[in-house]
Amino acid sequence: MLLGLMVVLTFFLAYCSWRWIEAPFRNRSLINRNQIAVGSICGIVIAAGVGFLGGGQSEMLQVGWANPLNSPPQVALYDSDNEALRLQSWEPLRKKTGDANYSASNNSADYNAWFDPLDFRANLLLVGNSFSKDLYNTLSASRSVREQYELARFGVQIRDLSYGHAFFDSPNYRQANVVILVTRWTDADVENLASLLARVRHDGKTAGVVKAITEFPEYRYGAWNLADKIVFENRSLTNSETANLINKSYTDFVQNGPVNQLQIAHNLMIEEVSSNFPNVTVLDRMDYICAKQECIGSSPSVEKTFYDYGHHTLSGADIFGRQIDDLAWLDQVKTKAVR
């Protein structure tokens, strides 16, 4: 029945198109070539004008040479290219592994031995998706962490770590004293947490579970984060005023922004599951992101600490690494075995 109505409607619309659009254009007594040419040119000019004005005003557009929002302000060390900042954040791990394509997961280098058997420090293994890359960079920037731990990373989704996963046979897991799970938590990740912690406990290792962080707003289809929006909308401010406004905006969002119910639910489940394992410490990255009641979205020279909703830039990792030192953030994790 529906198909029949669609066929009938198609023929009706085709007739209307022929009757009131095609036929008048073919009737030289009604419309001549000059009128068609003039009408076409006017239509093109109007369409181009609307597009030009819209592209010059819309903060939703990501590209377009006419859009002034694509002309970054010259502000201290500010960098508007978030894709470049993302790629830079992978450079330490790519240099460490010698793999120019090292990424969030499925890396052959993760099955190589990273730990030096002659190193006196404890072995700390970070496990998770791209957020584990952020924490690797941040802990690498911490003086106190470098003094106590040798670091390695295994890129994998927490939900994929079944009891017999090849991860558990990797040299870095076997040699690790401390295993820290850090990811962008999903329901499936949280559901797998208890069995994963049971395996880590069975293997005699100390564990840390890092809670979900606040995810900050993005604009222009992800081309901007909150810091970018502040910089572009406040071009007349001094460098210090811009940096202070960025930090205030991040702080205001954490304190007064919309509540992410899913994040809260995940963190509650993480705490509940982890409480059943005496070898597990729950860690919160928001402690170093927002230390002393102020969230850090920018350095004093307007270097962004995030390149999107929550991933750290290298500058951010350096800043947060110093925060970790000041807070003794990792001291709450006690290793069972220190070589």
C-alpha atoms as a PDB file:
ATOM      1  CA  MET A   1       0.000   0.000   0.000  1.00  0.00           C
ATOM      2  CA  LEU A   2       2.709   2.444   1.000  1.00  0.00           C
ATOM      3  CA  LEU A   3       4.796   1.585  -2.057  1.00  0.00           C
ATOM      4  CA  GLY A   4       1.812   2.200  -4.322  1.00  0.00           C
ATOM      5  CA  LEU A   5       1.181   5.618  -2.771  1.00  0.00           C
ATOM      6  CA  MET A   6       4.854   6.510  -3.258  1.00  0.00           C
ATOM      7  CA  VAL A   7       4.670   5.578  -6.942  1.00  0.00           C
ATOM      8  CA  VAL A   8       1.531   7.673  -7.433  1.00  0.00           C
ATOM      9  CA  LEU A   9       3.119  10.623  -5.579  1.00  0.00           C
ATOM     10  CA  THR A  10       6.249  10.335  -7.730  1.00  0.00           C
ATOM     11  CA  PHE A  11       4.259  10.604 -10.962  1.00  0.00           C
ATOM     12  CA  PHE A  12       2.215  13.500  -9.562  1.00  0.00           C
ATOM     13  CA  LEU A  13       5.342  15.464  -8.570  1.00  0.00           C
ATOM     14  CA  ALA A  14       6.930  14.693 -11.946  1.00  0.00           C
ATOM     15  CA  TYR A  15       3.864  16.121 -13.703  1.00  0.00           C
ATOM     16  CA  CYS A  16       3.925  19.247 -11.504  1.00  0.00           C
ATOM     17  CA  SER A  17       7.609  19.735 -12.242  1.00  0.00           C
ATOM     18  CA  TRP A  18       7.011  19.434 -15.967  1.00  0.00           C
ATOM     19  CA  ARG A  19       3.873  21.587 -15.938  1.00  0.00           C
ATOM     20  CA  TRP A  20       5.084  24.567 -13.891  1.00  0.00           C
ATOM     21  CA  ILE A  21       8.887  24.455 -14.160  1.00  0.00           C
ATOM     22  CA  GLU A  22      10.102  22.698 -17.300  1.00  0.00           C
ATOM     23  CA  ALA A  23       7.326  23.778 -19.693  1.00  0.00           C
ATOM     24  CA  PRO A  24       7.581  27.535 -18.906  1.00  0.00           C
ATOM     25  CA  PHE A  25      11.337  27.426 -19.470  1.00  0.00           C
ATOM     26  CA  ARG A  26      10.808  25.798 -22.866  1.00  0.00           C
ATOM     27  CA  ASN A  27       8.224  28.430 -23.873  1.00  0.00           C
ATOM     28  CA  ARG A  28      10.286  31.127 -25.639  1.00  0.00           C
ATOM     29  CA  SER A  29       7.329  33.522 -25.598  1.00  0.00           C
ATOM     30  CA  LEU A  30       7.391  33.558 -21.779  1.00  0.00           C
ATOM     31  CA  ILE A  31      11.126  33.310 -20.990  1.00  0.00           C
ATOM     32  CA  ASN A  32      13.978  34.027 -23.383  1.00  0.00           C
ATOM     33  CA  ARG A  33      17.687  33.242 -23.108  1.00  0.00           C
ATOM     34  CA  ASN A  34      18.585  36.677 -21.774  1.00  0.00           C
ATOM     35  CA  GLN A  35      16.108  36.372 -18.927  1.00  0.00           C
ATOM     36  CA  ILE A  36      17.447  32.913 -18.055  1.00  0.00           C
ATOM     37  CA  ALA A  37      21.028  34.209 -18.044  1.00  0.00           C
ATOM     38  CA  VAL A  38      20.167  37.222 -15.889  1.00  0.00           C
ATOM     39  CA  GLY A  39      18.164  35.075 -13.473  1.00  0.00           C
ATOM     40  CA  SER A  40      20.967  32.548 -13.188  1.00  0.00           C
ATOM     41  CA  ILE A  41      23.574  35.216 -12.471  1.00  0.00           C
ATOM     42  CA  CYS A  42      21.337  36.846  -9.856  1.00  0.00           C
ATOM     43  CA  GLY A  43      20.741  33.497  -8.190  1.00  0.00           C
ATOM     44  CA  ILE A  44      24.469  32.748  -8.076  1.00  0.00           C
ATOM     45  CA  VAL A  45      25.261  36.186  -6.622  1.00  0.00           C
ATOM     46  CA  ILE A  46      22.546  35.879  -3.961  1.00  0.00           C
ATOM     47  CA  ALA A  47      23.612  32.353  -2.977  1.00  0.00           C
ATOM     48  CA  ALA A  48      27.282  33.365  -2.824  1.00  0.00           C
ATOM     49  CA  GLY A  49      26.436  36.452  -0.753  1.00  0.00           C
ATOM     50  CA  VAL A  50      24.416  34.449   1.767  1.00  0.00           C
ATOM     51  CA  GLY A  51      27.206  31.895   2.029  1.00  0.00           C
ATOM     52  CA  PHE A  52      29.856  34.585   2.430  1.00  0.00           C
ATOM     53  CA  LEU A  53      27.937  36.395   5.180  1.00  0.00           C
ATOM     54  CA  GLY A  54      27.051  33.163   6.965  1.00  0.00           C
ATOM     55  CA  GLY A  55      30.595  31.833   6.763  1.00  0.00           C
ATOM     56  CA  GLY A  56      31.932  35.060   8.161  1.00  0.00           C
ATOM     57  CA  GLN A  57      29.655  35.034  11.189  1.00  0.00           C
ATOM     58  CA  SER A  58      28.983  31.444  12.185  1.00  0.00           C
ATOM     59  CA  GLU A  59      31.075  30.029  15.022  1.00  0.00           C
ATOM     60  CA  MET A  60      29.740  26.599  14.069  1.00  0.00           C
ATOM     61  CA  LEU A  61      31.764  26.467  10.845  1.00  0.00           C
ATOM     62  CA  GLN A  62      35.080  24.663  11.006  1.00  0.00           C
ATOM     63  CA  VAL A  63      36.532  25.761   7.675  1.00  0.00           C
ATOM     64  CA  GLY A  64      36.213  28.662   5.246  1.00  0.00           C
ATOM     65  CA  TRP A  65      38.749  31.262   4.219  1.00  0.00           C
ATOM     66  CA  ALA A  66      36.244  34.082   4.715  1.00  0.00           C
ATOM     67  CA  ASN A  67      35.522  33.230   8.335  1.00  0.00           C
ATOM     68  CA  PRO A  68      37.491  35.542  10.670  1.00  0.00           C
ATOM     69  CA  LEU A  69      37.274  32.866  13.358  1.00  0.00           C
ATOM     70  CA  ASN A  70      39.844  30.896  11.356  1.00  0.00           C
ATOM     71  CA  SER A  71      42.456  33.650  11.799  1.00  0.00           C
ATOM     72  CA  PRO A  72      44.158  32.826  15.106  1.00  0.00           C
ATOM     73  CA  PRO A  73      45.121  35.732  17.366  1.00  0.00           C
ATOM     74  CA  GLN A  74      48.804  36.320  18.033  1.00  0.00           C
ATOM     75  CA  VAL A  75      48.788  35.670  21.777  1.00  0.00           C
ATOM     76  CA  ALA A  76      52.036  34.723  23.523  1.00  0.00           C
ATOM     77  CA  LEU A  77      52.634  30.952  23.081  1.00  0.00           C
ATOM     78  CA  TYR A  78      49.021  30.172  22.209  1.00  0.00           C
ATOM     79  CA  ASP A  79      48.582  27.532  19.478  1.00  0.00           C
ATOM     80  CA  SER A  80      45.163  27.152  17.847  1.00  0.00           C
ATOM     81  CA  ASP A  81      46.083  23.989  15.920  1.00  0.00           C
ATOM     82  CA  ASN A  82      44.612  21.268  18.105  1.00  0.00           C
ATOM     83  CA  GLU A  83      45.416  18.511  15.629  1.00  0.00           C
ATOM     84  CA  ALA A  84      49.096  19.453  15.772  1.00  0.00           C
ATOM     85  CA  LEU A  85      48.923  19.501  19.574  1.00  0.00           C
ATOM     86  CA  ARG A  86      47.309  16.040  19.533  1.00  0.00           C
ATOM     87  CA  LEU A  87      50.084  14.636  17.356  1.00  0.00           C
ATOM     88  CA  GLN A  88      52.733  16.226  19.584  1.00  0.00           C
ATOM     89  CA  SER A  89      51.224  14.495  22.613  1.00  0.00           C
ATOM     90  CA  TRP A  90      52.082  11.122  21.054  1.00  0.00           C
ATOM     91  CA  GLU A  91      55.715  12.024  20.333  1.00  0.00           C
ATOM     92  CA  PRO A  92      57.212  10.851  23.673  1.00  0.00           C
ATOM     93  CA  LEU A  93      55.737   7.358  23.286  1.00  0.00           C
ATOM     94  CA  ARG A  94      56.637   7.177  19.604  1.00  0.00           C
ATOM     95  CA  LYS A  95      60.195   8.127  20.462  1.00  0.00           C
ATOM     96  CA  LYS A  96      60.261   5.625  23.324  1.00  0.00           C
ATOM     97  CA  THR A  97      59.042   2.732  21.160  1.00  0.00           C
ATOM     98  CA  GLY A  98      60.622   3.709  17.854  1.00  0.00           C
ATOM     99  CA  ASP A  99      57.177   3.287  16.275  1.00  0.00           C
ATOM    100  CA  ALA A 100      56.128   6.362  14.283  1.00  0.00           C
ATOM    101  CA  ASN A 101      52.544   5.081  14.231  1.00  0.00           C
ATOM    102  CA  TYR A 102      52.249   4.211  17.922  1.00  0.00           C
ATOM    103  CA  SER A 103      48.671   5.010  18.975  1.00  0.00           C
ATOM    104  CA  ALA A 104      45.895   4.344  21.466  1.00  0.00           C
ATOM    105  CA  SER A 105      45.809   0.548  21.038  1.00  0.00           C
ATOM    106  CA  ASN A 106      46.931  -2.444  18.951  1.00  0.00           C
ATOM    107  CA  ASN A 107      50.634  -1.595  19.154  1.00  0.00           C
ATOM    108  CA  SER A 108      53.187  -4.359  18.649  1.00  0.00           C
ATOM    109  CA  ALA A 109      55.630  -2.313  20.754  1.00  0.00           C
ATOM    110  CA  ASP A 110      53.429  -2.886  23.806  1.00  0.00           C
ATOM    111  CA  TYR A 111      54.485  -6.540  23.731  1.00  0.00           C
ATOM    112  CA  ASN A 112      58.164  -5.589  23.980  1.00  0.00           C
ATOM    113  CA  ALA A 113      60.001  -5.237  27.285  1.00  0.00           C
ATOM    114  CA  TRP A 114      60.266  -1.586  28.371  1.00  0.00           C
ATOM    115  CA  PHE A 115      61.585  -2.069  31.903  1.00  0.00           C
ATOM    116  CA  ASP A 116      65.316  -2.227  32.607  1.00  0.00           C
ATOM    117  CA  PRO A 117      66.046  -5.237  34.843  1.00  0.00           C
ATOM    118  CA  LEU A 118      69.000  -3.352  36.352  1.00  0.00           C
ATOM    119  CA  ASP A 119      66.934  -0.300  37.298  1.00  0.00           C
ATOM    120  CA  PHE A 120      66.389  -0.010  41.069  1.00  0.00           C
ATOM    121  CA  ARG A 121      63.032   1.749  40.737  1.00  0.00           C
ATOM    122  CA  ALA A 122      59.633   0.069  40.898  1.00  0.00           C
ATOM    123  CA  ASN A 123      57.924  -0.785  37.604  1.00  0.00           C
ATOM    124  CA  LEU A 124      54.676   1.083  36.940  1.00  0.00           C
ATOM    125  CA  LEU A 125      52.498   0.053  33.996  1.00  0.00           C
ATOM    126  CA  LEU A 126      49.724   2.322  32.671  1.00  0.00           C
ATOM    127  CA  VAL A 127      46.904   0.464  30.942  1.00  0.00           C
ATOM    128  CA  GLY A 128      44.067   1.939  28.902  1.00  0.00           C
ATOM    129  CA  ASN A 129      43.157   4.024  25.875  1.00  0.00           C
ATOM    130  CA  SER A 130      44.460   7.464  24.881  1.00  0.00           C
ATOM    131  CA  PHE A 131      43.898   8.776  28.414  1.00  0.00           C
ATOM    132  CA  SER A 132      46.680   6.412  29.542  1.00  0.00           C
ATOM    133  CA  LYS A 133      48.930   8.258  27.084  1.00  0.00           C
ATOM    134  CA  ASP A 134      48.055  11.510  28.850  1.00  0.00           C
ATOM    135  CA  LEU A 135      48.892  10.076  32.254  1.00  0.00           C
ATOM    136  CA  TYR A 136      52.121   8.571  30.909  1.00  0.00           C
ATOM    137  CA  ASN A 137      53.220  12.036  29.720  1.00  0.00           C
ATOM    138  CA  THR A 138      52.131  13.630  32.996  1.00  0.00           C
ATOM    139  CA  LEU A 139      53.887  11.120  35.249  1.00  0.00           C
ATOM    140  CA  SER A 140      56.987  11.382  33.043  1.00  0.00           C
ATOM    141  CA  ALA A 141      57.007  15.114  33.773  1.00  0.00           C
ATOM    142  CA  SER A 142      56.847  14.552  37.533  1.00  0.00           C
ATOM    143  CA  ARG A 143      60.197  14.640  39.310  1.00  0.00           C
ATOM    144  CA  SER A 144      58.980  12.627  42.281  1.00  0.00           C
ATOM    145  CA  VAL A 145      57.470   9.930  40.058  1.00  0.00           C
ATOM    146  CA  ARG A 146      60.620   9.617  37.968  1.00  0.00           C
ATOM    147  CA  GLU A 147      62.623   9.121  41.140  1.00  0.00           C
ATOM    148  CA  GLN A 148      60.412   6.240  42.308  1.00  0.00           C
ATOM    149  CA  TYR A 149      59.153   4.532  39.156  1.00  0.00           C
ATOM    150  CA  GLU A 150      60.145   3.328  35.737  1.00  0.00           C
ATOM    151  CA  LEU A 151      57.145   3.755  33.421  1.00  0.00           C
ATOM    152  CA  ALA A 152      55.581   1.685  30.662  1.00  0.00           C
ATOM    153  CA  ARG A 153      52.259   1.732  28.848  1.00  0.00           C
ATOM    154  CA  PHE A 154      49.958  -0.851  27.284  1.00  0.00           C
ATOM    155  CA  GLY A 155      47.295   0.572  24.966  1.00  0.00           C
ATOM    156  CA  VAL A 156      44.026  -1.345  25.160  1.00  0.00           C
ATOM    157  CA  GLN A 157      40.348  -0.856  25.932  1.00  0.00           C
ATOM    158  CA  ILE A 158      39.652  -2.008  29.502  1.00  0.00           C
ATOM    159  CA  ARG A 159      36.521  -3.861  28.364  1.00  0.00           C
ATOM    160  CA  ASP A 160      38.636  -6.089  26.085  1.00  0.00           C
ATOM    161  CA  LEU A 161      40.882  -7.418  28.869  1.00  0.00           C
ATOM    162  CA  SER A 162      39.380 -10.855  29.394  1.00  0.00           C
ATOM    163  CA  TYR A 163      41.112 -13.230  31.800  1.00  0.00           C
ATOM    164  CA  GLY A 164      43.111 -14.930  29.044  1.00  0.00           C
ATOM    165  CA  HIS A 165      44.058 -11.802  27.064  1.00  0.00           C
ATOM    166  CA  ALA A 166      47.617 -11.744  25.663  1.00  0.00           C
ATOM    167  CA  PHE A 167      48.207  -8.607  27.737  1.00  0.00           C
ATOM    168  CA  PHE A 168      48.745 -10.776  30.823  1.00  0.00           C
ATOM    169  CA  ASP A 169      51.632 -12.556  29.102  1.00  0.00           C
ATOM    170  CA  SER A 170      53.341  -9.354  27.974  1.00  0.00           C
ATOM    171  CA  PRO A 171      56.749  -8.726  29.585  1.00  0.00           C
ATOM    172  CA  ASN A 172      55.732  -5.329  30.932  1.00  0.00           C
ATOM    173  CA  TYR A 173      52.728  -6.754  32.772  1.00  0.00           C
ATOM    174  CA  ARG A 174      54.717  -9.681  34.155  1.00  0.00           C
ATOM    175  CA  GLN A 175      57.455  -7.354  35.420  1.00  0.00           C
ATOM    176  CA  ALA A 176      55.158  -4.594  36.701  1.00  0.00           C
ATOM    177  CA  ASN A 177      54.904  -3.914  40.427  1.00  0.00           C
ATOM    178  CA  VAL A 178      52.064  -1.425  39.979  1.00  0.00           C
ATOM    179  CA  VAL A 179      49.322  -1.518  37.329  1.00  0.00           C
ATOM    180  CA  ILE A 180      47.231   1.632  36.870  1.00  0.00           C
ATOM    181  CA  LEU A 181      44.035   1.519  34.815  1.00  0.00           C
ATOM    182  CA  VAL A 182      43.139   4.808  33.137  1.00  0.00           C
ATOM    183  CA  THR A 183      40.634   5.200  30.326  1.00  0.00           C
ATOM    184  CA  ARG A 184      37.565   7.065  29.119  1.00  0.00           C
ATOM    185  CA  TRP A 185      35.184   4.809  30.998  1.00  0.00           C
ATOM    186  CA  THR A 186      32.196   3.175  29.337  1.00  0.00           C
ATOM    187  CA  ASP A 187      29.575   0.861  30.816  1.00  0.00           C
ATOM    188  CA  ALA A 188      31.426  -2.127  29.342  1.00  0.00           C
ATOM    189  CA  ASP A 189      34.729  -1.001  30.889  1.00  0.00           C
ATOM    190  CA  VAL A 190      33.155  -0.694  34.344  1.00  0.00           C
ATOM    191  CA  GLU A 191      31.453  -4.072  33.987  1.00  0.00           C
ATOM    192  CA  ASN A 192      34.821  -5.704  33.314  1.00  0.00           C
ATOM    193  CA  LEU A 193      36.606  -3.960  36.187  1.00  0.00           C
ATOM    194  CA  ALA A 194      35.952  -6.511  38.947  1.00  0.00           C
ATOM    195  CA  SER A 195      37.284  -9.489  36.984  1.00  0.00           C
ATOM    196  CA  LEU A 196      40.293  -7.474  35.833  1.00  0.00           C
ATOM    197  CA  LEU A 197      41.180  -6.399  39.373  1.00  0.00           C
ATOM    198  CA  ALA A 198      40.748  -9.988  40.537  1.00  0.00           C
ATOM    199  CA  ARG A 199      43.335 -11.089  37.974  1.00  0.00           C
ATOM    200  CA  VAL A 200      45.739  -8.316  38.995  1.00  0.00           C
ATOM    201  CA  ARG A 201      45.340  -9.313  42.658  1.00  0.00           C
ATOM    202  CA  HIS A 202      45.899 -12.986  41.755  1.00  0.00           C
ATOM    203  CA  ASP A 203      49.155 -11.982  40.078  1.00  0.00           C
ATOM    204  CA  GLY A 204      50.327 -10.229  43.260  1.00  0.00           C
ATOM    205  CA  LYS A 205      50.420  -6.692  41.959  1.00  0.00           C
ATOM    206  CA  THR A 206      49.371  -3.371  43.426  1.00  0.00           C
ATOM    207  CA  ALA A 207      46.709  -1.617  41.350  1.00  0.00           C
ATOM    208  CA  GLY A 208      45.365   1.864  40.824  1.00  0.00           C
ATOM    209  CA  VAL A 209      42.105   2.790  39.115  1.00  0.00           C
ATOM    210  CA  VAL A 210      41.785   6.334  37.776  1.00  0.00           C
ATOM    211  CA  LYS A 211      38.297   7.829  37.865  1.00  0.00           C
ATOM    212  CA  ALA A 212      36.615   9.529  34.915  1.00  0.00           C
ATOM    213  CA  ILE A 213      37.462  13.211  34.553  1.00  0.00           C
ATOM    214  CA  THR A 214      35.196  16.132  33.773  1.00  0.00           C
ATOM    215  CA  GLU A 215      34.793  16.529  30.015  1.00  0.00           C
ATOM    216  CA  PHE A 216      34.964  20.172  29.002  1.00  0.00           C
ATOM    217  CA  PRO A 217      32.880  21.734  26.195  1.00  0.00           C
ATOM    218  CA  GLU A 218      33.962  21.894  22.562  1.00  0.00           C
ATOM    219  CA  TYR A 219      32.843  24.299  19.834  1.00  0.00           C
ATOM    220  CA  ARG A 220      32.714  24.524  16.036  1.00  0.00           C
ATOM    221  CA  TYR A 221      32.322  20.774  15.661  1.00  0.00           C
ATOM    222  CA  GLY A 222      35.359  20.055  17.807  1.00  0.00           C
ATOM    223  CA  ALA A 223      37.706  22.552  16.154  1.00  0.00           C
ATOM    224  CA  TRP A 224      37.793  24.627  19.360  1.00  0.00           C
ATOM    225  CA  ASN A 225      37.940  23.734  23.009  1.00  0.00           C
ATOM    226  CA  LEU A 226      37.017  26.054  25.865  1.00  0.00           C
ATOM    227  CA  ALA A 227      40.406  27.793  25.872  1.00  0.00           C
ATOM    228  CA  ASP A 228      40.224  28.484  22.132  1.00  0.00           C
ATOM    229  CA  LYS A 229      36.807  30.092  22.517  1.00  0.00           C
ATOM    230  CA  ILE A 230      38.104  32.383  25.259  1.00  0.00           C
ATOM    231  CA  VAL A 231      41.146  33.444  23.226  1.00  0.00           C
ATOM    232  CA  PHE A 232      39.211  34.186  20.028  1.00  0.00           C
ATOM    233  CA  GLU A 233      36.453  36.103  21.791  1.00  0.00           C
ATOM    234  CA  ASN A 234      38.802  38.226  23.922  1.00  0.00           C
ATOM    235  CA  ARG A 235      41.535  39.384  21.560  1.00  0.00           C
ATOM    236  CA  SER A 236      42.014  42.709  23.341  1.00  0.00           C
ATOM    237  CA  LEU A 237      43.123  41.188  26.651  1.00  0.00           C
ATOM    238  CA  THR A 238      46.738  40.987  27.781  1.00  0.00           C
ATOM    239  CA  ASN A 239      48.439  37.587  27.967  1.00  0.00           C
ATOM    240  CA  SER A 240      48.015  37.312  31.723  1.00  0.00           C
ATOM    241  CA  GLU A 241      44.376  38.429  31.534  1.00  0.00           C
ATOM    242  CA  THR A 242      43.693  35.815  28.847  1.00  0.00           C
ATOM    243  CA  ALA A 243      45.352  33.030  30.858  1.00  0.00           C
ATOM    244  CA  ASN A 244      43.442  34.009  34.000  1.00  0.00           C
ATOM    245  CA  LEU A 245      40.137  34.102  32.121  1.00  0.00           C
ATOM    246  CA  ILE A 246      40.785  30.656  30.624  1.00  0.00           C
ATOM    247  CA  ASN A 247      41.517  29.184  34.053  1.00  0.00           C
ATOM    248  CA  LYS A 248      38.483  30.879  35.538  1.00  0.00           C
ATOM    249  CA  SER A 249      36.292  29.495  32.738  1.00  0.00           C
ATOM    250  CA  TYR A 250      37.520  25.944  33.343  1.00  0.00           C
ATOM    251  CA  THR A 251      36.983  26.376  37.066  1.00  0.00           C
ATOM    252  CA  ASP A 252      33.471  27.752  36.560  1.00  0.00           C
ATOM    253  CA  PHE A 253      32.580  24.832  34.321  1.00  0.00           C
ATOM    254  CA  VAL A 254      33.699  22.281  36.914  1.00  0.00           C
ATOM    255  CA  GLN A 255      31.923  24.065  39.752  1.00  0.00           C
ATOM    256  CA  ASN A 256      28.771  25.263  37.992  1.00  0.00           C
ATOM    257  CA  GLY A 257      28.545  23.451  34.667  1.00  0.00           C
ATOM    258  CA  PRO A 258      26.037  20.751  33.719  1.00  0.00           C
ATOM    259  CA  VAL A 259      26.209  17.545  35.741  1.00  0.00           C
ATOM    260  CA  ASN A 260      27.361  14.499  33.787  1.00  0.00           C
ATOM    261  CA  GLN A 261      25.234  11.770  35.352  1.00  0.00           C
ATOM    262  CA  LEU A 262      26.980   8.991  33.441  1.00  0.00           C
ATOM    263  CA  GLN A 263      30.399  10.128  34.682  1.00  0.00           C
ATOM    264  CA  ILE A 264      29.108  10.236  38.251  1.00  0.00           C
ATOM    265  CA  ALA A 265      27.622   6.748  37.897  1.00  0.00           C
ATOM    266  CA  HIS A 266      30.866   5.351  36.496  1.00  0.00           C
ATOM    267  CA  ASN A 267      32.934   6.888  39.290  1.00  0.00           C
ATOM    268  CA  LEU A 268      30.597   5.537  41.955  1.00  0.00           C
ATOM    269  CA  MET A 269      30.872   2.061  40.450  1.00  0.00           C
ATOM    270  CA  ILE A 270      34.659   2.370  40.266  1.00  0.00           C
ATOM    271  CA  GLU A 271      34.804   3.231  43.969  1.00  0.00           C
ATOM    272  CA  GLU A 272      32.386   0.445  44.900  1.00  0.00           C
ATOM    273  CA  VAL A 273      34.181  -2.253  42.914  1.00  0.00           C
ATOM    274  CA  SER A 274      37.647  -1.110  43.994  1.00  0.00           C
ATOM    275  CA  SER A 275      36.660  -1.138  47.673  1.00  0.00           C
ATOM    276  CA  ASN A 276      36.519  -4.942  47.501  1.00  0.00           C
ATOM    277  CA  PHE A 277      40.229  -5.181  46.712  1.00  0.00           C
ATOM    278  CA  PRO A 278      42.757  -4.181  49.413  1.00  0.00           C
ATOM    279  CA  ASN A 279      45.534  -3.885  46.824  1.00  0.00           C
ATOM    280  CA  VAL A 280      43.670  -1.187  44.855  1.00  0.00           C
ATOM    281  CA  THR A 281      43.853   2.601  45.185  1.00  0.00           C
ATOM    282  CA  VAL A 282      41.326   4.879  43.468  1.00  0.00           C
ATOM    283  CA  LEU A 283      42.930   7.956  41.913  1.00  0.00           C
ATOM    284  CA  ASP A 284      41.292  11.138  40.613  1.00  0.00           C
ATOM    285  CA  ARG A 285      43.018  13.215  37.940  1.00  0.00           C
ATOM    286  CA  MET A 286      40.740  16.155  38.742  1.00  0.00           C
ATOM    287  CA  ASP A 287      42.827  16.538  41.922  1.00  0.00           C
ATOM    288  CA  TYR A 288      45.809  17.759  39.901  1.00  0.00           C
ATOM    289  CA  ILE A 289      43.787  19.449  37.153  1.00  0.00           C
ATOM    290  CA  CYS A 290      41.925  21.590  39.684  1.00  0.00           C
ATOM    291  CA  ALA A 291      44.315  21.872  42.617  1.00  0.00           C
ATOM    292  CA  LYS A 292      43.837  24.683  45.138  1.00  0.00           C
ATOM    293  CA  GLN A 293      40.281  25.386  43.931  1.00  0.00           C
ATOM    294  CA  GLU A 294      41.481  26.512  40.490  1.00  0.00           C
ATOM    295  CA  CYS A 295      41.405  24.439  37.328  1.00  0.00           C
ATOM    296  CA  ILE A 296      44.333  24.972  34.977  1.00  0.00           C
ATOM    297  CA  GLY A 297      43.392  25.345  31.323  1.00  0.00           C
ATOM    298  CA  SER A 298      46.338  27.523  30.391  1.00  0.00           C
ATOM    299  CA  SER A 299      49.866  28.378  31.406  1.00  0.00           C
ATOM    300  CA  PRO A 300      50.699  32.044  32.186  1.00  0.00           C
ATOM    301  CA  SER A 301      51.983  32.309  28.595  1.00  0.00           C
ATOM    302  CA  VAL A 302      48.670  30.953  27.222  1.00  0.00           C
ATOM    303  CA  GLU A 303      49.873  27.449  26.408  1.00  0.00           C
ATOM    304  CA  LYS A 304      46.773  25.274  26.478  1.00  0.00           C
ATOM    305  CA  THR A 305      46.703  22.291  28.836  1.00  0.00           C
ATOM    306  CA  PHE A 306      44.067  20.483  26.714  1.00  0.00           C
ATOM    307  CA  TYR A 307      43.701  20.051  22.972  1.00  0.00           C
ATOM    308  CA  ASP A 308      40.075  18.893  23.124  1.00  0.00           C
ATOM    309  CA  TYR A 309      37.508  17.997  25.803  1.00  0.00           C
ATOM    310  CA  GLY A 310      40.019  16.404  28.140  1.00  0.00           C
ATOM    311  CA  HIS A 311      43.265  15.151  26.577  1.00  0.00           C
ATOM    312  CA  HIS A 312      46.451  16.839  27.806  1.00  0.00           C
ATOM    313  CA  THR A 313      48.838  18.741  25.595  1.00  0.00           C
ATOM    314  CA  LEU A 314      52.538  18.262  26.296  1.00  0.00           C
ATOM    315  CA  SER A 315      52.557  21.684  27.961  1.00  0.00           C
ATOM    316  CA  GLY A 316      49.622  20.532  30.060  1.00  0.00           C
ATOM    317  CA  ALA A 317      51.463  17.347  31.023  1.00  0.00           C
ATOM    318  CA  ASP A 318      54.435  19.434  32.202  1.00  0.00           C
ATOM    319  CA  ILE A 319      52.177  21.676  34.296  1.00  0.00           C
ATOM    320  CA  PHE A 320      50.200  18.770  35.748  1.00  0.00           C
ATOM    321  CA  GLY A 321      53.408  16.864  36.444  1.00  0.00           C
ATOM    322  CA  ARG A 322      54.489  19.681  38.753  1.00  0.00           C
ATOM    323  CA  GLN A 323      51.059  19.591  40.365  1.00  0.00           C
ATOM    324  CA  ILE A 324      51.547  15.877  41.048  1.00  0.00           C
ATOM    325  CA  ASP A 325      54.810  16.707  42.804  1.00  0.00           C
ATOM    326  CA  ASP A 326      53.157  19.382  44.934  1.00  0.00           C
ATOM    327  CA  LEU A 327      50.226  17.138  45.850  1.00  0.00           C
ATOM    328  CA  ALA A 328      52.217  13.918  46.262  1.00  0.00           C
ATOM    329  CA  TRP A 329      49.382  12.557  44.123  1.00  0.00           C
ATOM    330  CA  LEU A 330      50.875   9.129  43.495  1.00  0.00           C
ATOM    331  CA  ASP A 331      52.143   8.576  47.037  1.00  0.00           C
ATOM    332  CA  GLN A 332      48.803   7.043  47.988  1.00  0.00           C
ATOM    333  CA  VAL A 333      49.680   4.048  45.802  1.00  0.00           C
ATOM    334  CA  LYS A 334      51.927   1.729  47.797  1.00  0.00           C
ATOM    335  CA  THR A 335      53.993  -0.799  45.887  1.00  0.00           C
ATOM    336  CA  LYS A 336      54.165  -4.348  47.165  1.00  0.00           C
ATOM    337  CA  ALA A 337      57.586  -4.984  45.733  1.00  0.00           C
ATOM    338  CA  VAL A 338      60.335  -2.477  45.065  1.00  0.00           C
ATOM    339  CA  ARG A 339      63.474  -3.815  43.434  1.00  0.00           C
END
